[in-house]
Amino acid sequence: MLLLRKTSGVEASDTTHGTPDEVTIVNFSNDGKNLSKETVAKIVKTDKEWLQQLGRNSYDIARQADTEMPYSGVSLKEHNAGIFRCVCCNTALFSSQTKFDSGTGWPSFWAPIAKENITEVVDDSLGMERTEVKCIRCEGHLGHVFNDGPQPTGLRYCMNSASMRFVKA
């Protein structure tokens, strides 16, 4: 897992954002079966391309690090078996097996499906230090991780529904 320093957001423009490179991710079937590790190109697009693909709400949250209103996300009440994938690039992020009700109003997980599929970034945008969670492949903003979750990890990955899509097993 890579730890980076967060920078400020940008407007929807023709400017390309992201770091062209390759990353290694772990592929998963929709029922959560580990298929294999794979080295893939990072996905880099302009803000206009992301906005066109995602729509305003998911763009603001996934690409501009906004936060959805608590108790408003569709994934909050998702209790079926399956996995949560990045809305931007389809990378597997979380399994329903690690989802729990944190009482915060956002979908919460005690672990990612594979540490290789996310990155954590120091975020001091609100005058306090938090740890932002991003998709490793497209650098999409997912949410934040906190040290007040349940065992076995003690972590709470507090995610935005608008940054993920649920795929039923």
N, C-alpha and C. Protein backbone atom coordinates (compact mmCIF):
# COMPACT_ATOMS: atom_id res chain seq x y z
N MET A 1 0.85 -1.16 0.00
CA MET A 1 0.00 0.00 0.00
C MET A 1 0.90 1.23 0.00
N LEU A 2 0.53 2.22 -0.82
CA LEU A 2 1.29 3.43 -0.99
C LEU A 2 0.67 4.53 -0.17
N LEU A 3 1.47 5.35 0.54
CA LEU A 3 0.96 6.47 1.32
C LEU A 3 1.44 7.75 0.66
N LEU A 4 0.48 8.61 0.26
CA LEU A 4 0.78 9.85 -0.45
C LEU A 4 0.22 11.03 0.32
N ARG A 5 0.58 12.24 -0.07
CA ARG A 5 0.02 13.47 0.49
C ARG A 5 -1.04 13.98 -0.46
N LYS A 6 -2.22 14.30 0.05
CA LYS A 6 -3.34 14.76 -0.77
C LYS A 6 -3.10 16.19 -1.24
N THR A 7 -3.52 16.46 -2.48
CA THR A 7 -3.47 17.82 -3.02
C THR A 7 -4.89 18.30 -3.27
N SER A 8 -5.04 19.59 -3.52
CA SER A 8 -6.38 20.16 -3.70
C SER A 8 -7.03 19.68 -4.98
N GLY A 9 -8.38 19.76 -5.03
CA GLY A 9 -9.16 19.32 -6.18
C GLY A 9 -9.04 20.28 -7.35
N VAL A 10 -9.63 19.90 -8.46
CA VAL A 10 -9.58 20.69 -9.68
C VAL A 10 -10.96 20.78 -10.29
N GLU A 11 -11.15 21.71 -11.20
CA GLU A 11 -12.41 21.85 -11.93
C GLU A 11 -12.44 20.86 -13.09
N ALA A 12 -13.64 20.62 -13.63
CA ALA A 12 -13.76 19.74 -14.79
C ALA A 12 -13.16 20.45 -16.00
N SER A 13 -12.03 19.97 -16.43
CA SER A 13 -11.30 20.63 -17.52
C SER A 13 -10.74 19.57 -18.46
N ASP A 14 -9.98 20.05 -19.45
CA ASP A 14 -9.31 19.14 -20.36
C ASP A 14 -7.97 18.67 -19.81
N THR A 15 -7.62 19.13 -18.62
CA THR A 15 -6.36 18.74 -18.01
C THR A 15 -6.43 17.28 -17.60
N THR A 16 -5.40 16.53 -17.92
CA THR A 16 -5.32 15.14 -17.53
C THR A 16 -4.74 15.05 -16.14
N HIS A 17 -5.39 14.26 -15.30
CA HIS A 17 -4.92 14.09 -13.92
C HIS A 17 -4.62 12.63 -13.67
N GLY A 18 -3.68 12.38 -12.81
CA GLY A 18 -3.28 11.02 -12.51
C GLY A 18 -1.85 10.81 -12.93
N THR A 19 -1.31 9.71 -12.50
CA THR A 19 0.08 9.39 -12.78
C THR A 19 0.13 8.18 -13.70
N PRO A 20 0.49 8.40 -14.99
CA PRO A 20 0.59 7.24 -15.88
C PRO A 20 1.65 6.28 -15.34
N ASP A 21 1.28 5.05 -15.20
CA ASP A 21 2.18 4.06 -14.62
C ASP A 21 1.49 2.71 -14.70
N GLU A 22 2.11 1.72 -14.13
CA GLU A 22 1.49 0.42 -13.99
C GLU A 22 1.37 0.11 -12.51
N VAL A 23 0.34 -0.63 -12.15
CA VAL A 23 0.14 -1.06 -10.77
C VAL A 23 -0.24 -2.54 -10.80
N THR A 24 -0.02 -3.21 -9.70
CA THR A 24 -0.44 -4.60 -9.56
C THR A 24 -1.67 -4.63 -8.68
N ILE A 25 -2.74 -5.21 -9.21
CA ILE A 25 -3.98 -5.36 -8.47
C ILE A 25 -4.30 -6.84 -8.34
N VAL A 26 -5.22 -7.15 -7.45
CA VAL A 26 -5.71 -8.51 -7.31
C VAL A 26 -7.11 -8.54 -7.92
N ASN A 27 -7.31 -9.42 -8.89
CA ASN A 27 -8.62 -9.57 -9.54
C ASN A 27 -9.48 -10.53 -8.72
N PHE A 28 -10.79 -10.23 -8.68
CA PHE A 28 -11.74 -11.06 -7.96
C PHE A 28 -12.96 -11.29 -8.83
N SER A 29 -13.55 -12.49 -8.70
CA SER A 29 -14.84 -12.76 -9.33
C SER A 29 -15.91 -12.03 -8.51
N ASN A 30 -17.12 -11.96 -9.03
CA ASN A 30 -18.18 -11.26 -8.32
C ASN A 30 -18.60 -11.94 -7.03
N ASP A 31 -18.24 -13.21 -6.87
CA ASP A 31 -18.55 -13.89 -5.61
C ASP A 31 -17.37 -13.82 -4.63
N GLY A 32 -16.36 -13.01 -4.96
CA GLY A 32 -15.25 -12.78 -4.05
C GLY A 32 -14.09 -13.74 -4.17
N LYS A 33 -14.10 -14.60 -5.18
CA LYS A 33 -12.99 -15.55 -5.36
C LYS A 33 -11.78 -14.82 -5.93
N ASN A 34 -10.63 -15.00 -5.29
CA ASN A 34 -9.37 -14.42 -5.75
C ASN A 34 -8.97 -15.12 -7.04
N LEU A 35 -8.91 -14.34 -8.12
CA LEU A 35 -8.58 -14.91 -9.44
C LEU A 35 -7.08 -14.87 -9.72
N SER A 36 -6.41 -13.79 -9.37
CA SER A 36 -4.97 -13.69 -9.57
C SER A 36 -4.53 -12.24 -9.45
N LYS A 37 -3.24 -12.07 -9.28
CA LYS A 37 -2.65 -10.74 -9.35
C LYS A 37 -2.38 -10.43 -10.82
N GLU A 38 -2.48 -9.15 -11.15
CA GLU A 38 -2.24 -8.73 -12.53
C GLU A 38 -1.64 -7.34 -12.52
N THR A 39 -0.64 -7.13 -13.35
CA THR A 39 -0.08 -5.79 -13.53
C THR A 39 -0.84 -5.13 -14.67
N VAL A 40 -1.41 -3.95 -14.37
CA VAL A 40 -2.26 -3.24 -15.33
C VAL A 40 -1.84 -1.78 -15.40
N ALA A 41 -2.21 -1.13 -16.49
CA ALA A 41 -1.96 0.30 -16.63
C ALA A 41 -2.91 1.06 -15.73
N LYS A 42 -2.40 2.12 -15.10
CA LYS A 42 -3.29 3.00 -14.35
C LYS A 42 -4.21 3.70 -15.35
N ILE A 43 -5.39 4.04 -14.90
CA ILE A 43 -6.35 4.72 -15.75
C ILE A 43 -6.23 6.22 -15.51
N VAL A 44 -5.93 6.95 -16.57
CA VAL A 44 -5.74 8.39 -16.51
C VAL A 44 -6.66 9.01 -17.56
N LYS A 45 -7.50 9.95 -17.12
CA LYS A 45 -8.44 10.63 -18.01
C LYS A 45 -8.49 12.11 -17.64
N THR A 46 -9.06 12.90 -18.53
CA THR A 46 -9.28 14.31 -18.19
C THR A 46 -10.49 14.41 -17.27
N ASP A 47 -10.60 15.52 -16.58
CA ASP A 47 -11.76 15.75 -15.73
C ASP A 47 -13.05 15.71 -16.54
N LYS A 48 -13.04 16.24 -17.75
CA LYS A 48 -14.23 16.20 -18.60
C LYS A 48 -14.62 14.77 -18.94
N GLU A 49 -13.63 13.92 -19.21
CA GLU A 49 -13.91 12.51 -19.49
C GLU A 49 -14.52 11.81 -18.27
N TRP A 50 -13.96 12.08 -17.09
CA TRP A 50 -14.51 11.48 -15.87
C TRP A 50 -15.94 11.96 -15.63
N LEU A 51 -16.19 13.25 -15.79
CA LEU A 51 -17.53 13.80 -15.59
C LEU A 51 -18.53 13.16 -16.54
N GLN A 52 -18.14 13.01 -17.79
CA GLN A 52 -19.02 12.39 -18.78
C GLN A 52 -19.31 10.93 -18.41
N GLN A 53 -18.32 10.20 -17.94
CA GLN A 53 -18.49 8.79 -17.57
C GLN A 53 -19.34 8.63 -16.31
N LEU A 54 -19.10 9.48 -15.31
CA LEU A 54 -19.67 9.26 -13.99
C LEU A 54 -20.95 10.01 -13.68
N GLY A 55 -21.17 11.15 -14.31
CA GLY A 55 -22.25 12.03 -13.89
C GLY A 55 -21.78 12.91 -12.74
N ARG A 56 -22.51 13.96 -12.47
CA ARG A 56 -22.06 14.99 -11.52
C ARG A 56 -21.83 14.45 -10.10
N ASN A 57 -22.77 13.69 -9.54
CA ASN A 57 -22.63 13.26 -8.15
C ASN A 57 -21.40 12.38 -7.94
N SER A 58 -21.29 11.31 -8.72
CA SER A 58 -20.13 10.41 -8.57
C SER A 58 -18.84 11.11 -8.94
N TYR A 59 -18.87 12.01 -9.93
CA TYR A 59 -17.67 12.78 -10.29
C TYR A 59 -17.22 13.62 -9.10
N ASP A 60 -18.15 14.38 -8.50
CA ASP A 60 -17.79 15.24 -7.37
C ASP A 60 -17.19 14.43 -6.22
N ILE A 61 -17.73 13.26 -5.98
CA ILE A 61 -17.25 12.45 -4.86
C ILE A 61 -15.99 11.67 -5.22
N ALA A 62 -16.02 10.92 -6.31
CA ALA A 62 -14.89 10.05 -6.67
C ALA A 62 -13.69 10.81 -7.23
N ARG A 63 -13.93 11.90 -7.93
CA ARG A 63 -12.81 12.60 -8.58
C ARG A 63 -12.41 13.89 -7.87
N GLN A 64 -13.34 14.49 -7.09
CA GLN A 64 -13.06 15.76 -6.41
C GLN A 64 -13.01 15.60 -4.89
N ALA A 65 -13.09 14.38 -4.40
CA ALA A 65 -13.00 14.05 -2.97
C ALA A 65 -14.08 14.71 -2.13
N ASP A 66 -15.27 14.86 -2.72
CA ASP A 66 -16.42 15.33 -1.96
C ASP A 66 -16.93 14.17 -1.11
N THR A 67 -17.93 14.41 -0.29
CA THR A 67 -18.51 13.37 0.55
C THR A 67 -20.02 13.39 0.40
N GLU A 68 -20.61 12.21 0.24
CA GLU A 68 -22.07 12.16 0.14
C GLU A 68 -22.68 12.40 1.52
N MET A 69 -23.92 12.83 1.54
CA MET A 69 -24.63 13.05 2.79
C MET A 69 -24.79 11.72 3.53
N PRO A 70 -24.64 11.72 4.85
CA PRO A 70 -24.82 10.47 5.59
C PRO A 70 -26.23 9.92 5.39
N TYR A 71 -26.34 8.61 5.40
CA TYR A 71 -27.58 7.85 5.25
C TYR A 71 -28.24 8.03 3.88
N SER A 72 -27.51 8.56 2.90
CA SER A 72 -28.09 8.78 1.57
C SER A 72 -27.60 7.79 0.52
N GLY A 73 -26.52 7.10 0.77
CA GLY A 73 -25.92 6.22 -0.23
C GLY A 73 -26.64 4.89 -0.38
N VAL A 74 -26.71 4.41 -1.61
CA VAL A 74 -27.41 3.16 -1.90
C VAL A 74 -26.71 1.94 -1.30
N SER A 75 -25.40 2.01 -1.10
CA SER A 75 -24.66 0.86 -0.56
C SER A 75 -24.83 0.69 0.94
N LEU A 76 -25.32 1.72 1.62
CA LEU A 76 -25.44 1.65 3.07
C LEU A 76 -26.30 0.47 3.50
N LYS A 77 -27.41 0.26 2.84
CA LYS A 77 -28.34 -0.80 3.23
C LYS A 77 -28.19 -2.07 2.39
N GLU A 78 -27.10 -2.17 1.65
CA GLU A 78 -26.85 -3.36 0.83
C GLU A 78 -26.36 -4.49 1.74
N HIS A 79 -27.12 -5.58 1.80
CA HIS A 79 -26.77 -6.70 2.68
C HIS A 79 -26.63 -8.02 1.93
N ASN A 80 -26.68 -7.98 0.61
CA ASN A 80 -26.50 -9.19 -0.18
C ASN A 80 -25.03 -9.59 -0.23
N ALA A 81 -24.77 -10.84 -0.58
CA ALA A 81 -23.40 -11.31 -0.78
C ALA A 81 -22.90 -10.79 -2.12
N GLY A 82 -21.66 -10.32 -2.14
CA GLY A 82 -21.05 -9.82 -3.37
C GLY A 82 -19.86 -8.95 -3.05
N ILE A 83 -19.45 -8.17 -4.05
CA ILE A 83 -18.31 -7.28 -3.84
C ILE A 83 -18.65 -5.87 -4.31
N PHE A 84 -17.90 -4.94 -3.78
CA PHE A 84 -18.03 -3.54 -4.13
C PHE A 84 -16.84 -3.18 -5.02
N ARG A 85 -17.13 -2.67 -6.21
CA ARG A 85 -16.11 -2.33 -7.19
C ARG A 85 -16.03 -0.82 -7.37
N CYS A 86 -14.89 -0.34 -7.80
CA CYS A 86 -14.70 1.09 -8.07
C CYS A 86 -15.64 1.51 -9.19
N VAL A 87 -16.37 2.59 -8.99
CA VAL A 87 -17.31 3.09 -10.00
C VAL A 87 -16.54 3.64 -11.21
N CYS A 88 -15.30 4.02 -11.02
CA CYS A 88 -14.51 4.59 -12.11
C CYS A 88 -13.85 3.54 -12.99
N CYS A 89 -13.30 2.48 -12.38
CA CYS A 89 -12.49 1.54 -13.17
C CYS A 89 -12.81 0.07 -12.95
N ASN A 90 -13.77 -0.24 -12.10
CA ASN A 90 -14.24 -1.61 -11.88
C ASN A 90 -13.30 -2.47 -11.04
N THR A 91 -12.28 -1.89 -10.43
CA THR A 91 -11.38 -2.65 -9.56
C THR A 91 -12.14 -3.12 -8.32
N ALA A 92 -11.94 -4.36 -7.91
CA ALA A 92 -12.57 -4.89 -6.70
C ALA A 92 -11.98 -4.18 -5.49
N LEU A 93 -12.86 -3.70 -4.59
CA LEU A 93 -12.42 -2.92 -3.44
C LEU A 93 -12.75 -3.57 -2.09
N PHE A 94 -14.02 -3.97 -1.91
CA PHE A 94 -14.46 -4.51 -0.63
C PHE A 94 -15.40 -5.67 -0.85
N SER A 95 -15.40 -6.60 0.09
CA SER A 95 -16.31 -7.74 0.08
C SER A 95 -17.44 -7.48 1.06
N SER A 96 -18.62 -7.97 0.73
CA SER A 96 -19.75 -7.87 1.66
C SER A 96 -19.45 -8.60 2.97
N GLN A 97 -18.51 -9.53 2.95
CA GLN A 97 -18.16 -10.29 4.15
C GLN A 97 -17.49 -9.43 5.22
N THR A 98 -16.92 -8.28 4.82
CA THR A 98 -16.26 -7.40 5.80
C THR A 98 -17.07 -6.15 6.10
N LYS A 99 -18.28 -6.07 5.56
CA LYS A 99 -19.15 -4.90 5.77
C LYS A 99 -19.81 -4.99 7.15
N PHE A 100 -19.95 -3.85 7.81
CA PHE A 100 -20.63 -3.82 9.11
C PHE A 100 -21.35 -2.49 9.26
N ASP A 101 -22.31 -2.44 10.18
CA ASP A 101 -23.06 -1.21 10.45
C ASP A 101 -22.30 -0.41 11.50
N SER A 102 -21.69 0.68 11.05
CA SER A 102 -20.90 1.51 11.97
C SER A 102 -21.75 2.57 12.66
N GLY A 103 -22.99 2.77 12.19
CA GLY A 103 -23.85 3.79 12.77
C GLY A 103 -23.48 5.20 12.34
N THR A 104 -22.59 5.31 11.35
CA THR A 104 -22.13 6.64 10.90
C THR A 104 -22.92 7.19 9.73
N GLY A 105 -23.66 6.33 9.03
CA GLY A 105 -24.41 6.77 7.85
C GLY A 105 -23.71 6.51 6.54
N TRP A 106 -22.54 5.88 6.58
CA TRP A 106 -21.81 5.52 5.37
C TRP A 106 -21.51 4.02 5.40
N PRO A 107 -21.43 3.38 4.23
CA PRO A 107 -21.05 1.96 4.21
C PRO A 107 -19.66 1.81 4.83
N SER A 108 -19.53 0.85 5.73
CA SER A 108 -18.26 0.67 6.44
C SER A 108 -17.81 -0.78 6.34
N PHE A 109 -16.50 -0.95 6.29
CA PHE A 109 -15.87 -2.25 6.14
C PHE A 109 -14.69 -2.32 7.09
N TRP A 110 -14.38 -3.51 7.59
CA TRP A 110 -13.22 -3.63 8.47
C TRP A 110 -11.93 -4.00 7.74
N ALA A 111 -12.03 -4.23 6.41
CA ALA A 111 -10.83 -4.50 5.61
C ALA A 111 -11.17 -4.38 4.12
N PRO A 112 -10.21 -3.97 3.30
CA PRO A 112 -10.42 -4.02 1.85
C PRO A 112 -10.33 -5.48 1.39
N ILE A 113 -10.83 -5.75 0.20
CA ILE A 113 -10.76 -7.11 -0.34
C ILE A 113 -9.31 -7.51 -0.60
N ALA A 114 -8.46 -6.54 -0.96
CA ALA A 114 -7.02 -6.76 -1.14
C ALA A 114 -6.32 -5.42 -0.91
N LYS A 115 -5.34 -5.40 -0.03
CA LYS A 115 -4.61 -4.15 0.25
C LYS A 115 -3.96 -3.59 -1.01
N GLU A 116 -3.63 -4.48 -1.97
CA GLU A 116 -3.00 -4.03 -3.22
C GLU A 116 -3.93 -3.13 -4.04
N ASN A 117 -5.24 -3.22 -3.84
CA ASN A 117 -6.21 -2.51 -4.67
C ASN A 117 -6.54 -1.11 -4.20
N ILE A 118 -5.99 -0.72 -3.06
CA ILE A 118 -6.23 0.64 -2.55
C ILE A 118 -4.91 1.31 -2.22
N THR A 119 -4.98 2.61 -2.04
CA THR A 119 -3.85 3.36 -1.51
C THR A 119 -4.40 4.30 -0.45
N GLU A 120 -3.56 4.66 0.49
CA GLU A 120 -3.97 5.57 1.55
C GLU A 120 -3.15 6.85 1.45
N VAL A 121 -3.84 7.99 1.63
CA VAL A 121 -3.25 9.30 1.42
C VAL A 121 -3.49 10.16 2.66
N VAL A 122 -2.47 10.83 3.15
CA VAL A 122 -2.65 11.75 4.26
C VAL A 122 -3.52 12.91 3.78
N ASP A 123 -4.60 13.17 4.50
CA ASP A 123 -5.57 14.21 4.14
C ASP A 123 -5.72 15.17 5.31
N ASP A 124 -5.25 16.40 5.14
CA ASP A 124 -5.39 17.41 6.19
C ASP A 124 -6.30 18.56 5.73
N SER A 125 -7.24 18.24 4.81
CA SER A 125 -8.09 19.26 4.20
C SER A 125 -9.08 19.90 5.17
N LEU A 126 -9.42 19.28 6.27
CA LEU A 126 -10.37 19.86 7.22
C LEU A 126 -9.68 20.38 8.48
N GLY A 127 -8.39 20.64 8.39
CA GLY A 127 -7.65 21.16 9.53
C GLY A 127 -7.28 20.09 10.54
N MET A 128 -7.50 18.84 10.20
CA MET A 128 -7.09 17.71 11.04
C MET A 128 -6.54 16.64 10.11
N GLU A 129 -5.71 15.79 10.63
CA GLU A 129 -5.13 14.76 9.78
C GLU A 129 -6.02 13.52 9.79
N ARG A 130 -6.42 13.11 8.57
CA ARG A 130 -7.18 11.88 8.37
C ARG A 130 -6.46 11.06 7.31
N THR A 131 -6.90 9.85 7.09
CA THR A 131 -6.32 9.01 6.07
C THR A 131 -7.36 8.74 4.99
N GLU A 132 -7.14 9.32 3.82
CA GLU A 132 -8.03 9.13 2.68
C GLU A 132 -7.72 7.78 2.03
N VAL A 133 -8.75 7.12 1.53
CA VAL A 133 -8.61 5.85 0.82
C VAL A 133 -8.96 6.10 -0.63
N LYS A 134 -8.06 5.64 -1.54
CA LYS A 134 -8.26 5.80 -2.97
C LYS A 134 -8.08 4.47 -3.67
N CYS A 135 -8.70 4.34 -4.82
CA CYS A 135 -8.48 3.19 -5.69
C CYS A 135 -7.06 3.30 -6.26
N ILE A 136 -6.30 2.25 -6.21
CA ILE A 136 -4.92 2.27 -6.70
C ILE A 136 -4.85 2.43 -8.21
N ARG A 137 -5.84 1.92 -8.94
CA ARG A 137 -5.76 1.92 -10.40
C ARG A 137 -6.13 3.26 -11.03
N CYS A 138 -7.12 3.97 -10.48
CA CYS A 138 -7.58 5.21 -11.11
C CYS A 138 -7.45 6.43 -10.19
N GLU A 139 -7.00 6.21 -8.97
CA GLU A 139 -6.84 7.27 -7.97
C GLU A 139 -8.18 7.90 -7.57
N GLY A 140 -9.28 7.16 -7.75
CA GLY A 140 -10.59 7.66 -7.34
C GLY A 140 -10.73 7.70 -5.83
N HIS A 141 -11.31 8.78 -5.32
CA HIS A 141 -11.57 8.94 -3.88
C HIS A 141 -12.69 8.00 -3.46
N LEU A 142 -12.43 7.22 -2.41
CA LEU A 142 -13.42 6.28 -1.91
C LEU A 142 -14.00 6.72 -0.57
N GLY A 143 -13.18 7.27 0.29
CA GLY A 143 -13.60 7.66 1.63
C GLY A 143 -12.38 7.80 2.52
N HIS A 144 -12.55 7.45 3.80
CA HIS A 144 -11.45 7.55 4.77
C HIS A 144 -11.43 6.29 5.63
N VAL A 145 -10.28 6.01 6.23
CA VAL A 145 -10.15 4.89 7.16
C VAL A 145 -9.82 5.44 8.54
N PHE A 146 -10.46 4.84 9.55
CA PHE A 146 -10.29 5.27 10.94
C PHE A 146 -9.93 4.06 11.80
N ASN A 147 -9.34 4.33 12.96
CA ASN A 147 -8.88 3.27 13.86
C ASN A 147 -9.92 2.92 14.93
N ASP A 148 -11.20 3.01 14.60
CA ASP A 148 -12.25 2.73 15.60
C ASP A 148 -13.22 1.64 15.12
N GLY A 149 -12.71 0.72 14.32
CA GLY A 149 -13.56 -0.34 13.78
C GLY A 149 -13.52 -1.60 14.62
N PRO A 150 -14.27 -2.60 14.20
CA PRO A 150 -14.33 -3.86 14.94
C PRO A 150 -13.12 -4.75 14.68
N GLN A 151 -13.00 -5.77 15.46
CA GLN A 151 -11.97 -6.78 15.24
C GLN A 151 -12.40 -7.62 14.04
N PRO A 152 -11.53 -8.19 13.28
CA PRO A 152 -10.15 -8.47 13.68
C PRO A 152 -9.15 -7.36 13.35
N THR A 153 -9.53 -6.31 12.62
CA THR A 153 -8.54 -5.30 12.23
C THR A 153 -8.55 -4.06 13.11
N GLY A 154 -9.69 -3.76 13.72
CA GLY A 154 -9.83 -2.52 14.48
C GLY A 154 -9.97 -1.30 13.59
N LEU A 155 -10.17 -1.53 12.27
CA LEU A 155 -10.26 -0.42 11.32
C LEU A 155 -11.70 -0.25 10.84
N ARG A 156 -12.03 0.99 10.46
CA ARG A 156 -13.32 1.31 9.86
C ARG A 156 -13.07 2.05 8.56
N TYR A 157 -13.23 1.35 7.45
CA TYR A 157 -13.14 1.96 6.13
C TYR A 157 -14.51 2.55 5.85
N CYS A 158 -14.63 3.85 6.00
CA CYS A 158 -15.89 4.58 5.86
C CYS A 158 -15.94 5.11 4.42
N MET A 159 -16.75 4.46 3.57
CA MET A 159 -16.72 4.70 2.14
C MET A 159 -17.96 5.45 1.65
N ASN A 160 -17.83 6.05 0.49
CA ASN A 160 -18.94 6.72 -0.18
C ASN A 160 -19.58 5.75 -1.18
N SER A 161 -20.90 5.59 -1.11
CA SER A 161 -21.60 4.73 -2.07
C SER A 161 -21.40 5.20 -3.50
N ALA A 162 -21.32 6.51 -3.71
CA ALA A 162 -21.19 7.07 -5.06
C ALA A 162 -19.85 6.75 -5.70
N SER A 163 -18.90 6.25 -4.93
CA SER A 163 -17.58 5.88 -5.46
C SER A 163 -17.48 4.39 -5.78
N MET A 164 -18.53 3.65 -5.43
CA MET A 164 -18.50 2.21 -5.63
C MET A 164 -19.80 1.75 -6.30
N ARG A 165 -19.73 0.57 -6.88
CA ARG A 165 -20.94 -0.09 -7.35
C ARG A 165 -20.91 -1.51 -6.79
N PHE A 166 -22.06 -1.96 -6.33
CA PHE A 166 -22.17 -3.29 -5.76
C PHE A 166 -22.49 -4.30 -6.85
N VAL A 167 -21.81 -5.44 -6.83
CA VAL A 167 -22.08 -6.51 -7.76
C VAL A 167 -22.44 -7.73 -6.93
N LYS A 168 -23.66 -8.21 -7.10
CA LYS A 168 -24.16 -9.35 -6.34
C LYS A 168 -23.45 -10.62 -6.77
N ALA A 169 -23.17 -11.48 -5.79
CA ALA A 169 -22.49 -12.75 -6.06
C ALA A 169 -23.38 -13.68 -6.86
